[in-house]
Amino acid sequence: MQKAYDNAPLTEDLDDMAFANDLEAQLAMIVRAYADGDAFQIDNALGYVSWTRRMKRKRILDLIAEYEGPGEED
């Protein structure tokens, strides 16, 4: 699954849906960004976590997963 944010901060080896369901990975991303002390990285981390949680809540990630699921042969 292609990330909506091409330069997602401190990305994990998780797709968007797995990341949206993993609170520990979200916290780790935010903590690392704050530990770096770079305001740009902090903004990116907070924005990415917010985006994935919002897309999960609105069930958009479910729709994307269904669309990208096992392809039906024509």
C-alpha atoms as a PDB file:
ATOM      1  CA  MET A   1       0.000   0.000   0.000  1.00  0.00           C
ATOM      2  CA  GLN A   2       1.462   3.345  -0.968  1.00  0.00           C
ATOM      3  CA  LYS A   3       1.757   5.766   1.903  1.00  0.00           C
ATOM      4  CA  ALA A   4      -0.342   8.890   1.567  1.00  0.00           C
ATOM      5  CA  TYR A   5       2.523  10.882   2.994  1.00  0.00           C
ATOM      6  CA  ASP A   6       5.485  10.071   0.778  1.00  0.00           C
ATOM      7  CA  ASN A   7       7.930  11.252   3.389  1.00  0.00           C
ATOM      8  CA  ALA A   8       6.189   9.783   6.421  1.00  0.00           C
ATOM      9  CA  PRO A   9       8.342  10.483   9.437  1.00  0.00           C
ATOM     10  CA  LEU A  10      10.323   7.654  10.959  1.00  0.00           C
ATOM     11  CA  THR A  11       8.208   5.063   9.190  1.00  0.00           C
ATOM     12  CA  GLU A  12       7.765   1.605  10.577  1.00  0.00           C
ATOM     13  CA  ASP A  13       7.679  -1.584   8.544  1.00  0.00           C
ATOM     14  CA  LEU A  14       3.889  -1.426   8.682  1.00  0.00           C
ATOM     15  CA  ASP A  15       1.324  -0.528   6.079  1.00  0.00           C
ATOM     16  CA  ASP A  16      -1.139   2.248   6.886  1.00  0.00           C
ATOM     17  CA  MET A  17      -3.834  -0.097   8.251  1.00  0.00           C
ATOM     18  CA  ALA A  18      -1.427  -1.974  10.525  1.00  0.00           C
ATOM     19  CA  PHE A  19       0.027   1.323  11.725  1.00  0.00           C
ATOM     20  CA  ALA A  20      -3.455   2.728  12.441  1.00  0.00           C
ATOM     21  CA  ASN A  21      -4.171  -0.321  14.606  1.00  0.00           C
ATOM     22  CA  ASP A  22      -0.837  -0.266  16.471  1.00  0.00           C
ATOM     23  CA  LEU A  23      -0.940   2.316  19.261  1.00  0.00           C
ATOM     24  CA  GLU A  24       2.562   1.393  20.403  1.00  0.00           C
ATOM     25  CA  ALA A  25       4.010   2.093  16.949  1.00  0.00           C
ATOM     26  CA  GLN A  26       2.194   5.433  16.865  1.00  0.00           C
ATOM     27  CA  LEU A  27       3.555   6.394  20.275  1.00  0.00           C
ATOM     28  CA  ALA A  28       7.057   5.248  19.329  1.00  0.00           C
ATOM     29  CA  MET A  29       6.978   7.424  16.205  1.00  0.00           C
ATOM     30  CA  ILE A  30       5.921  10.484  18.191  1.00  0.00           C
ATOM     31  CA  VAL A  31       8.424   9.846  20.988  1.00  0.00           C
ATOM     32  CA  ARG A  32      11.298   9.446  18.501  1.00  0.00           C
ATOM     33  CA  ALA A  33      10.324  12.661  16.752  1.00  0.00           C
ATOM     34  CA  TYR A  34      10.294  14.565  20.030  1.00  0.00           C
ATOM     35  CA  ALA A  35      13.588  12.952  21.061  1.00  0.00           C
ATOM     36  CA  ASP A  36      15.177  14.247  17.849  1.00  0.00           C
ATOM     37  CA  GLY A  37      13.982  17.721  18.754  1.00  0.00           C
ATOM     38  CA  ASP A  38      13.363  18.667  15.115  1.00  0.00           C
ATOM     39  CA  ALA A  39      10.125  20.638  14.818  1.00  0.00           C
ATOM     40  CA  PHE A  40       9.625  19.462  11.222  1.00  0.00           C
ATOM     41  CA  GLN A  41       9.866  15.785  12.251  1.00  0.00           C
ATOM     42  CA  ILE A  42       7.496  16.388  15.173  1.00  0.00           C
ATOM     43  CA  ASP A  43       4.926  17.988  12.874  1.00  0.00           C
ATOM     44  CA  ASN A  44       5.277  15.143  10.362  1.00  0.00           C
ATOM     45  CA  ALA A  45       4.908  12.460  13.046  1.00  0.00           C
ATOM     46  CA  LEU A  46       1.846  14.079  14.587  1.00  0.00           C
ATOM     47  CA  GLY A  47       0.291  14.668  11.181  1.00  0.00           C
ATOM     48  CA  TYR A  48       0.911  11.109   9.993  1.00  0.00           C
ATOM     49  CA  VAL A  49      -0.463   9.547  13.180  1.00  0.00           C
ATOM     50  CA  SER A  50      -3.513  11.823  13.005  1.00  0.00           C
ATOM     51  CA  TRP A  51      -4.045  11.019   9.327  1.00  0.00           C
ATOM     52  CA  THR A  52      -3.901   7.252   9.796  1.00  0.00           C
ATOM     53  CA  ARG A  53      -6.209   7.350  12.810  1.00  0.00           C
ATOM     54  CA  ARG A  54      -8.694   9.557  10.944  1.00  0.00           C
ATOM     55  CA  MET A  55      -8.679   7.321   7.868  1.00  0.00           C
ATOM     56  CA  LYS A  56      -9.218   4.279  10.094  1.00  0.00           C
ATOM     57  CA  ARG A  57     -12.086   5.942  11.964  1.00  0.00           C
ATOM     58  CA  LYS A  58     -13.790   6.919   8.702  1.00  0.00           C
ATOM     59  CA  ARG A  59     -13.203   3.369   7.380  1.00  0.00           C
ATOM     60  CA  ILE A  60     -11.348   4.709   4.352  1.00  0.00           C
ATOM     61  CA  LEU A  61      -8.415   2.390   5.029  1.00  0.00           C
ATOM     62  CA  ASP A  62     -10.874  -0.529   4.875  1.00  0.00           C
ATOM     63  CA  LEU A  63     -12.008   0.609   1.444  1.00  0.00           C
ATOM     64  CA  ILE A  64      -8.423   0.936   0.254  1.00  0.00           C
ATOM     65  CA  ALA A  65      -7.583  -2.535   1.579  1.00  0.00           C
ATOM     66  CA  GLU A  66     -10.607  -4.009  -0.220  1.00  0.00           C
ATOM     67  CA  TYR A  67      -9.638  -2.289  -3.464  1.00  0.00           C
ATOM     68  CA  GLU A  68      -6.020  -3.452  -3.199  1.00  0.00           C
ATOM     69  CA  GLY A  69      -6.993  -6.931  -2.050  1.00  0.00           C
ATOM     70  CA  PRO A  70      -6.493 -10.100  -4.050  1.00  0.00           C
ATOM     71  CA  GLY A  71      -7.188  -9.181  -7.622  1.00  0.00           C
ATOM     72  CA  GLU A  72      -9.983 -10.837  -9.498  1.00  0.00           C
ATOM     73  CA  GLU A  73      -8.895 -12.300 -12.770  1.00  0.00           C
ATOM     74  CA  ASP A  74     -10.628 -10.830 -15.787  1.00  0.00           C
END
